[in-house]
Protein backbone atom coordinates (compact mmCIF):
# COMPACT_ATOMS: atom_id res chain seq x y z
CA UNK A 1 0.00 0.00 0.00
CA UNK A 2 1.03 3.56 -0.74
CA UNK A 3 -1.19 5.53 1.62
CA UNK A 4 -3.39 5.32 4.68
CA UNK A 5 -6.39 7.23 5.97
CA UNK A 6 -6.95 8.93 8.35
CA UNK A 7 -3.50 10.39 8.91
CA UNK A 8 -3.78 10.20 12.68
CA UNK A 9 -5.98 10.14 15.74
CA UNK A 10 -6.27 10.92 19.41
CA UNK A 11 -3.51 9.84 21.78
CA UNK A 12 -4.01 6.48 23.46
CA UNK A 13 -6.96 5.39 21.30
CA UNK A 14 -7.41 2.56 18.81
CA UNK A 15 -7.74 3.73 15.21
CA UNK A 16 -8.75 1.69 12.17
CA UNK A 17 -6.70 2.84 9.17
CA UNK A 18 -7.65 2.19 5.55
CA UNK A 19 -4.55 1.18 3.57
CA UNK A 20 -4.73 1.83 -0.18
CA UNK A 21 -2.58 1.35 -3.25
CA UNK A 22 -1.91 -2.39 -3.03
CA UNK A 23 -2.73 -4.31 -6.25
CA UNK A 24 -4.99 -6.61 -4.21
CA UNK A 25 -7.09 -3.65 -3.11
CA UNK A 26 -7.49 -1.65 0.11
CA UNK A 27 -7.93 -3.16 3.58
CA UNK A 28 -8.30 -1.97 7.17
CA UNK A 29 -5.64 -2.31 9.84
CA UNK A 30 -6.04 -1.21 13.46
CA UNK A 31 -3.33 0.33 15.63
CA UNK A 32 -3.07 1.68 19.16
CA UNK A 33 -1.84 5.26 19.09
CA UNK A 34 0.91 6.40 21.50
CA UNK A 35 -0.02 8.16 24.72
CA UNK A 36 2.10 11.23 24.01
CA UNK A 37 1.60 13.56 21.03
CA UNK A 38 3.87 12.98 18.04
CA UNK A 39 4.42 16.56 16.90
CA UNK A 40 5.09 18.33 20.20
CA UNK A 41 7.44 21.10 21.13
CA UNK A 42 11.06 20.36 21.89
CA UNK A 43 14.54 21.89 21.89
CA UNK A 44 16.61 22.45 18.80
CA UNK A 45 19.76 23.77 20.43
CA UNK A 46 18.49 27.35 20.35
CA UNK A 47 18.15 29.17 23.65
CA UNK A 48 15.21 31.34 22.61
CA UNK A 49 13.31 29.09 20.25
CA UNK A 50 11.78 25.68 19.90
CA UNK A 51 10.77 23.44 17.08
CA UNK A 52 8.37 20.63 16.33
CA UNK A 53 9.64 17.07 16.30
CA UNK A 54 9.55 15.91 12.69
CA UNK A 55 9.50 12.18 13.39
CA UNK A 56 6.06 10.78 12.57
CA UNK A 57 4.65 7.48 13.85
CA UNK A 58 5.08 4.45 11.57
CA UNK A 59 2.59 1.77 10.64
CA UNK A 60 3.92 -1.31 8.85
CA UNK A 61 1.28 -2.98 6.65
CA UNK A 62 0.34 -6.47 7.77
CA UNK A 63 -2.11 -8.96 6.26
CA UNK A 64 -2.43 -12.75 5.76
CA UNK A 65 -1.27 -14.38 2.53
CA UNK A 66 -3.00 -17.20 0.64
CA UNK A 67 -1.66 -19.74 3.14
CA UNK A 68 -3.04 -17.79 6.08
CA UNK A 69 0.35 -16.64 7.32
CA UNK A 70 0.76 -13.03 8.41
CA UNK A 71 2.99 -11.03 6.05
CA UNK A 72 4.47 -7.73 7.21
CA UNK A 73 5.43 -5.06 4.71
CA UNK A 74 8.88 -3.51 4.78
CA UNK A 75 7.79 -0.01 3.78
CA UNK A 76 6.16 2.03 6.58
CA UNK A 77 3.21 4.38 6.30
CA UNK A 78 3.15 7.47 8.47
CA UNK A 79 0.64 9.08 10.82
CA UNK A 80 0.63 11.15 13.99
CA UNK A 81 -1.12 11.23 17.33
CA UNK A 82 -2.35 14.33 19.12
CA UNK A 83 -4.66 15.41 21.93
CA UNK A 84 -7.22 16.89 19.55
CA UNK A 85 -10.83 15.83 19.32
CA UNK A 86 -10.97 14.09 15.92
CA UNK A 87 -13.83 14.55 13.45
CA UNK A 88 -14.19 13.56 9.77
CA UNK A 89 -14.85 16.02 6.99
CA UNK A 90 -18.39 16.34 5.69
CA UNK A 91 -19.41 15.11 2.27
CA UNK A 92 -20.34 18.57 0.98
CA UNK A 93 -18.34 21.60 2.03
CA UNK A 94 -16.91 22.79 -1.26
CA UNK A 95 -18.00 26.44 -0.97
CA UNK A 96 -18.20 29.08 1.77
CA UNK A 97 -22.01 28.77 2.02
CA UNK A 98 -21.71 25.09 3.00
CA UNK A 99 -18.57 25.44 5.13
CA UNK A 100 -18.30 22.70 7.75
CA UNK A 101 -18.76 24.13 11.24
CA UNK A 102 -16.07 22.92 13.63
CA UNK A 103 -16.40 22.83 17.42
CA UNK A 104 -14.10 24.97 19.51
CA UNK A 105 -10.59 23.58 19.56
CA UNK A 106 -8.40 21.86 20.04
CA UNK A 107 -9.89 19.91 17.15
CA UNK A 108 -8.46 17.93 14.20
CA UNK A 109 -10.26 17.23 10.92
CA UNK A 110 -9.33 14.32 8.67
CA UNK A 111 -9.95 15.24 5.06
CA UNK A 112 -8.98 14.69 1.43
CA UNK A 113 -8.63 16.80 -1.67
CA UNK A 114 -10.14 14.02 -3.75
CA UNK A 115 -10.30 15.73 -7.17
CA UNK A 116 -8.22 18.36 -8.95
CA UNK A 117 -9.19 21.90 -8.02
CA UNK A 118 -11.25 20.90 -4.96
CA UNK A 119 -11.42 23.34 -2.05
CA UNK A 120 -12.57 22.27 1.41
CA UNK A 121 -14.22 25.01 3.47
CA UNK A 122 -14.51 25.16 7.26
CA UNK A 123 -15.86 27.66 9.75
CA UNK A 124 -14.10 27.80 13.09
CA UNK A 125 -15.29 29.47 16.26
CA UNK A 126 -13.43 30.52 19.35
CA UNK A 127 -13.21 33.11 22.06
CA UNK A 128 -13.13 36.63 20.59
CA UNK A 129 -9.79 38.47 20.64
CA UNK A 130 -7.84 35.27 21.29
CA UNK A 131 -5.25 34.01 18.81
CA UNK A 132 -5.64 30.62 17.13
CA UNK A 133 -3.24 28.48 15.13
CA UNK A 134 -4.57 26.74 12.00
CA UNK A 135 -2.18 24.09 10.68
CA UNK A 136 -2.32 21.43 7.97
CA UNK A 137 -0.32 18.20 8.20
CA UNK A 138 0.22 16.49 4.85
CA UNK A 139 3.72 16.39 3.35
CA UNK A 140 5.23 15.64 6.77
CA UNK A 141 3.16 12.46 6.68
CA UNK A 142 4.13 11.67 3.05
CA UNK A 143 0.80 12.70 1.57
CA UNK A 144 1.16 13.93 -2.03
CA UNK A 145 -0.96 16.97 -1.13
CA UNK A 146 0.96 20.26 -1.12
CA UNK A 147 -1.44 22.15 1.15
CA UNK A 148 -2.46 25.77 0.80
CA UNK A 149 -4.52 27.26 3.61
CA UNK A 150 -6.42 30.55 3.55
CA UNK A 151 -8.13 32.05 6.60
CA UNK A 152 -10.67 34.87 6.40
CA UNK A 153 -10.82 36.38 9.90
CA UNK A 154 -12.71 39.43 8.57
CA UNK A 155 -15.05 37.56 6.22
CA UNK A 156 -14.73 36.92 2.49
CA UNK A 157 -14.60 40.66 1.79
CA UNK A 158 -11.51 41.10 3.97
CA UNK A 159 -7.90 40.31 3.19
CA UNK A 160 -7.17 36.59 3.78
CA UNK A 161 -4.31 35.26 5.84
CA UNK A 162 -2.61 32.81 3.48
CA UNK A 163 0.24 30.31 3.73
CA UNK A 164 1.73 27.63 1.51
CA UNK A 165 4.99 26.69 3.26
CA UNK A 166 5.58 27.41 6.95
CA UNK A 167 9.30 28.00 6.26
CA UNK A 168 11.78 27.08 3.58
CA UNK A 169 12.17 23.62 5.15
CA UNK A 170 8.60 23.12 6.46
CA UNK A 171 6.49 22.46 3.39
CA UNK A 172 3.09 22.21 5.05
CA UNK A 173 0.87 25.22 5.73
CA UNK A 174 0.12 27.15 8.92
CA UNK A 175 -1.54 30.47 9.73
CA UNK A 176 -2.50 32.34 12.88
CA UNK A 177 -5.59 34.48 13.26
CA UNK A 178 -7.17 36.59 15.96
CA UNK A 179 -10.72 35.42 16.44
CA UNK A 180 -13.73 37.70 16.02
CA UNK A 181 -17.24 37.08 17.42
CA UNK A 182 -18.51 35.88 14.04
CA UNK A 183 -15.78 33.24 13.73
CA UNK A 184 -13.42 32.61 10.82
CA UNK A 185 -13.70 30.90 7.44
CA UNK A 186 -10.85 28.56 6.44
CA UNK A 187 -10.15 27.08 2.99
CA UNK A 188 -7.82 24.12 2.37
CA UNK A 189 -6.68 23.08 -1.11
CA UNK A 190 -3.66 21.87 -3.07
CA UNK A 191 -1.31 24.67 -4.11
CA UNK A 192 -0.93 23.09 -7.58
CA UNK A 193 -4.70 22.57 -7.94
CA UNK A 194 -4.20 18.81 -8.07
CA UNK A 195 -6.12 16.13 -6.20
CA UNK A 196 -6.71 12.38 -5.84
CA UNK A 197 -8.05 9.87 -3.35
CA UNK A 198 -4.71 9.72 -1.52
CA UNK A 199 -4.35 13.52 -1.21
CA UNK A 200 -5.11 13.31 2.51
CA UNK A 201 -4.53 15.92 5.17
CA UNK A 202 -5.11 16.57 8.84
CA UNK A 203 -6.26 20.08 9.78
CA UNK A 204 -5.67 21.13 13.39
CA UNK A 205 -7.10 24.13 15.27
CA UNK A 206 -5.43 25.26 18.51
CA UNK A 207 -5.62 28.25 20.75
CA UNK A 208 -2.18 29.84 20.95
CA UNK A 209 -0.97 29.48 24.52
CA UNK A 210 2.34 29.96 26.33
CA UNK A 211 4.34 26.75 26.63
CA UNK A 212 7.81 25.55 27.51
CA UNK A 213 10.09 22.53 27.41
CA UNK A 214 12.70 21.45 29.94
CA UNK A 215 16.11 20.43 28.66
CA UNK A 216 19.77 20.30 29.61
CA UNK A 217 22.04 23.28 29.32
CA UNK A 218 24.63 22.94 26.55
CA UNK A 219 27.86 21.57 27.93
CA UNK A 220 29.79 24.59 26.67
CA UNK A 221 27.70 26.63 29.14
CA UNK A 222 29.42 24.65 31.89
CA UNK A 223 32.89 24.09 30.40
CA UNK A 224 33.32 26.58 27.54
CA UNK A 225 34.43 23.66 25.36
CA UNK A 226 32.87 24.18 21.92
CA UNK A 227 33.20 20.55 20.83
CA UNK A 228 30.44 19.14 23.04
CA UNK A 229 27.53 21.27 21.95
CA UNK A 230 24.53 19.21 22.94
CA UNK A 231 23.14 17.04 25.67
CA UNK A 232 24.35 15.74 28.96
CA UNK A 233 25.05 12.48 30.69
CA UNK A 234 25.85 12.54 34.37
CA UNK A 235 28.52 10.48 36.18
CA UNK A 236 28.53 10.97 39.98
CA UNK A 237 31.62 9.64 41.82
CA UNK A 238 31.03 7.81 45.09
CA UNK A 239 31.26 10.22 48.03
CA UNK A 240 31.03 13.19 45.71
CA UNK A 241 28.59 15.42 43.85
CA UNK A 242 27.71 16.45 40.31
CA UNK A 243 25.70 19.32 38.91
CA UNK A 244 22.88 18.91 36.43
CA UNK A 245 21.96 22.27 34.97
CA UNK A 246 18.46 22.19 33.48
CA UNK A 247 17.04 25.04 31.47
CA UNK A 248 13.77 26.00 29.85
CA UNK A 249 12.98 26.87 26.25
CA UNK A 250 9.83 28.96 26.13
CA UNK A 251 7.40 30.28 23.53
CA UNK A 252 4.45 32.63 23.51
CA UNK A 253 5.48 34.40 26.71
CA UNK A 254 5.62 31.42 29.06
CA UNK A 255 6.60 32.88 32.42
CA UNK A 256 6.05 30.53 35.36
CA UNK A 257 8.43 29.14 37.98
CA UNK A 258 8.98 25.39 37.91
CA UNK A 259 9.27 22.78 40.63
CA UNK A 260 11.77 20.19 39.40
CA UNK A 261 10.94 16.53 39.95
CA UNK A 262 10.63 13.29 38.00
CA UNK A 263 7.83 11.73 36.03
CA UNK A 264 5.67 9.34 38.09
CA UNK A 265 6.65 5.77 37.36
CA UNK A 266 10.05 6.69 35.92
CA UNK A 267 13.11 4.68 37.03
CA UNK A 268 14.49 5.50 40.46
CA UNK A 269 17.96 6.84 41.07
CA UNK A 270 20.59 4.20 41.93
CA UNK A 271 20.76 3.28 45.62
CA UNK A 272 22.77 5.81 47.62
CA UNK A 273 22.26 8.62 45.10
CA UNK A 274 20.03 11.57 45.98
CA UNK A 275 18.98 14.69 44.12
CA UNK A 276 18.55 18.19 45.50
CA UNK A 277 16.77 20.72 43.29
CA UNK A 278 16.98 24.36 44.20
CA UNK A 279 13.64 26.00 44.99
CA UNK A 280 13.32 29.04 42.75
CA UNK A 281 10.26 31.12 43.52
CA UNK A 282 10.48 33.27 40.40
CA UNK A 283 10.52 32.24 36.73
CA UNK A 284 14.04 31.24 35.75
CA UNK A 285 15.93 30.19 32.65
CA UNK A 286 18.17 27.75 34.54
CA UNK A 287 17.35 25.23 37.27
CA UNK A 288 20.38 23.64 39.02
CA UNK A 289 20.07 20.12 40.44
CA UNK A 290 22.86 18.63 42.60
CA UNK A 291 23.27 14.84 42.60
CA UNK A 292 25.12 13.46 45.67
CA UNK A 293 26.42 9.90 45.96
CA UNK A 294 27.08 8.28 49.31
CA UNK A 295 30.51 6.62 49.78
CA UNK A 296 28.83 3.22 49.64
CA UNK A 297 26.41 4.04 46.82
CA UNK A 298 25.72 1.26 44.35
CA UNK A 299 27.82 1.44 41.21
CA UNK A 300 24.85 1.48 38.86
CA UNK A 301 23.11 3.56 36.23
CA UNK A 302 19.58 4.59 35.36
CA UNK A 303 17.64 6.62 32.82
CA UNK A 304 15.63 9.21 34.72
CA UNK A 305 12.86 11.44 33.37
CA UNK A 306 13.05 14.95 34.85
CA UNK A 307 9.95 17.12 34.71
CA UNK A 308 8.99 20.64 35.66
CA UNK A 309 5.69 21.44 37.33
CA UNK A 310 4.10 24.90 37.26
CA UNK A 311 2.14 26.35 40.21
CA UNK A 312 -1.09 25.42 38.38
CA UNK A 313 0.07 21.76 38.07
CA UNK A 314 0.99 21.90 34.39
CA UNK A 315 3.70 19.34 33.56
CA UNK A 316 6.62 20.56 31.45
CA UNK A 317 8.24 17.76 29.46
CA UNK A 318 11.96 17.04 29.41
CA UNK A 319 13.83 16.45 26.14
CA UNK A 320 17.45 16.78 25.23
CA UNK A 321 19.26 16.77 21.93
CA UNK A 322 22.40 14.62 21.63
CA UNK A 323 24.88 15.02 18.80
CA UNK A 324 25.82 11.52 17.67
CA UNK A 325 28.01 12.30 14.64
CA UNK A 326 30.16 15.43 14.34
CA UNK A 327 32.09 16.77 11.38
CA UNK A 328 33.12 19.85 9.43
CA UNK A 329 32.60 22.74 9.53
CA UNK A 330 33.44 23.61 13.15
CA UNK A 331 32.43 20.24 14.57
CA UNK A 332 28.84 20.56 13.37
CA UNK A 333 26.47 17.82 14.47
CA UNK A 334 25.63 15.84 11.34
CA UNK A 335 23.28 13.48 13.13
CA UNK A 336 21.20 14.34 16.19
CA UNK A 337 19.09 12.17 18.45
CA UNK A 338 16.18 13.32 20.61
CA UNK A 339 15.85 11.74 24.05
CA UNK A 340 13.26 12.17 26.78
CA UNK A 341 15.50 10.72 29.48
CA UNK A 342 18.76 11.61 31.20
CA UNK A 343 21.51 9.02 31.77
CA UNK A 344 22.77 9.05 35.38
CA UNK A 345 25.44 6.73 36.77
CA UNK A 346 27.35 6.23 40.02
CA UNK A 347 31.04 5.64 39.30
CA UNK A 348 34.21 4.95 41.28
CA UNK A 349 35.57 7.70 43.53
CA UNK A 350 37.78 10.46 42.14
CA UNK A 351 40.67 11.93 44.16
CA UNK A 352 39.29 15.46 44.44
CA UNK A 353 36.20 17.46 45.36
CA UNK A 354 35.14 21.10 45.31
CA UNK A 355 33.12 22.74 48.11
CA UNK A 356 31.40 26.11 47.78
CA UNK A 357 30.09 28.01 50.79
CA UNK A 358 28.22 31.32 50.69
CA UNK A 359 28.97 33.79 53.46
CA UNK A 360 25.30 34.79 53.63
CA UNK A 361 22.42 32.35 53.94
CA UNK A 362 20.12 34.61 51.90
CA UNK A 363 21.10 37.19 49.33
CA UNK A 364 18.74 39.83 48.01
CA UNK A 365 18.28 40.05 44.26
CA UNK A 366 20.92 42.29 42.75
CA UNK A 367 23.12 42.21 45.86
CA UNK A 368 26.62 40.79 46.10
CA UNK A 369 28.07 38.17 48.40
CA UNK A 370 31.32 36.27 48.75
CA UNK A 371 31.89 32.60 48.05
CA UNK A 372 34.49 30.43 49.76
CA UNK A 373 35.74 27.78 47.34
CA UNK A 374 37.63 24.85 48.83
CA UNK A 375 39.38 22.30 46.62
CA UNK A 376 40.05 18.99 48.40
CA UNK A 377 42.48 16.49 46.96
CA UNK A 378 43.55 13.09 48.28
CA UNK A 379 47.08 12.77 49.57
CA UNK A 380 47.82 10.08 47.01
């Protein structure tokens, strides 16, 4: 098969996909969608920005052959999971007068541009004066549709907000509109005025809200070594300490302090290792965590899942970007991996330690204080 429909569904649900393009004809195949959204915000190595993960979910075709044995295809089909309420497109919504009315978001519509020149019309509603994001997923999921989206926040007589490619490397379409009491008309079509049964898309409507992601500080922030540009792994010597410097990447004016912890059910720290996270009452870019290992701590390792929690109990996900292959120019990362866990290990003792003591227990913002730094080294 060459395509599947719909192109996604709600997180944690079972979805029956229709697989098409096989010479033997289409068939249905069910799959359980992941619990976490596929295209969610994460770090890209930029302090002031964030990006969307581009890795879609994969479905490998599977069906019995003439002998009744299950045969699994080698070429995957792609879809994505999200937290949107999912609804199908209506049979007739090819003009503004018959635009399909969508409930208030977040909502996702599964549709097709089935014939050349077809235009699908929708009317969205939302809270007046709030900003909404209207995004089409197609090429990212290997649909042949090259989507073009037009939004009419001021009616058909007003100037539309139009987009073909989000950026030079994001070839799907996305617009943002400020909602008015009468709602907003949205048109979806193919930019080349083509269409076919496999020209599928997934239209998502979201209210624009502040959000953030928790990640590790680049190692050059700690060491000023430019080679190691991404990610962290933490080795804590027995009887010693190690710093984990977490940071936030924020968008849309996110400005809340975080309480640092770990995801419920995530692996525990090795025996004898404890974590102390500083309590920061105000919003901060960096959140230091000190890991201390007892002299008799188990020499072991674990993957932990740090999280940040806002005062209103919103969970901020952790992700870090690890450069796996470096090369020219300037030790650029040629291959990156995204990880939602942090590797922590207890290792053998080292013959030195550094102690820092502040002369004042509390320091007012903007004030100065002195630090006493003591370097201890074994006699050997």
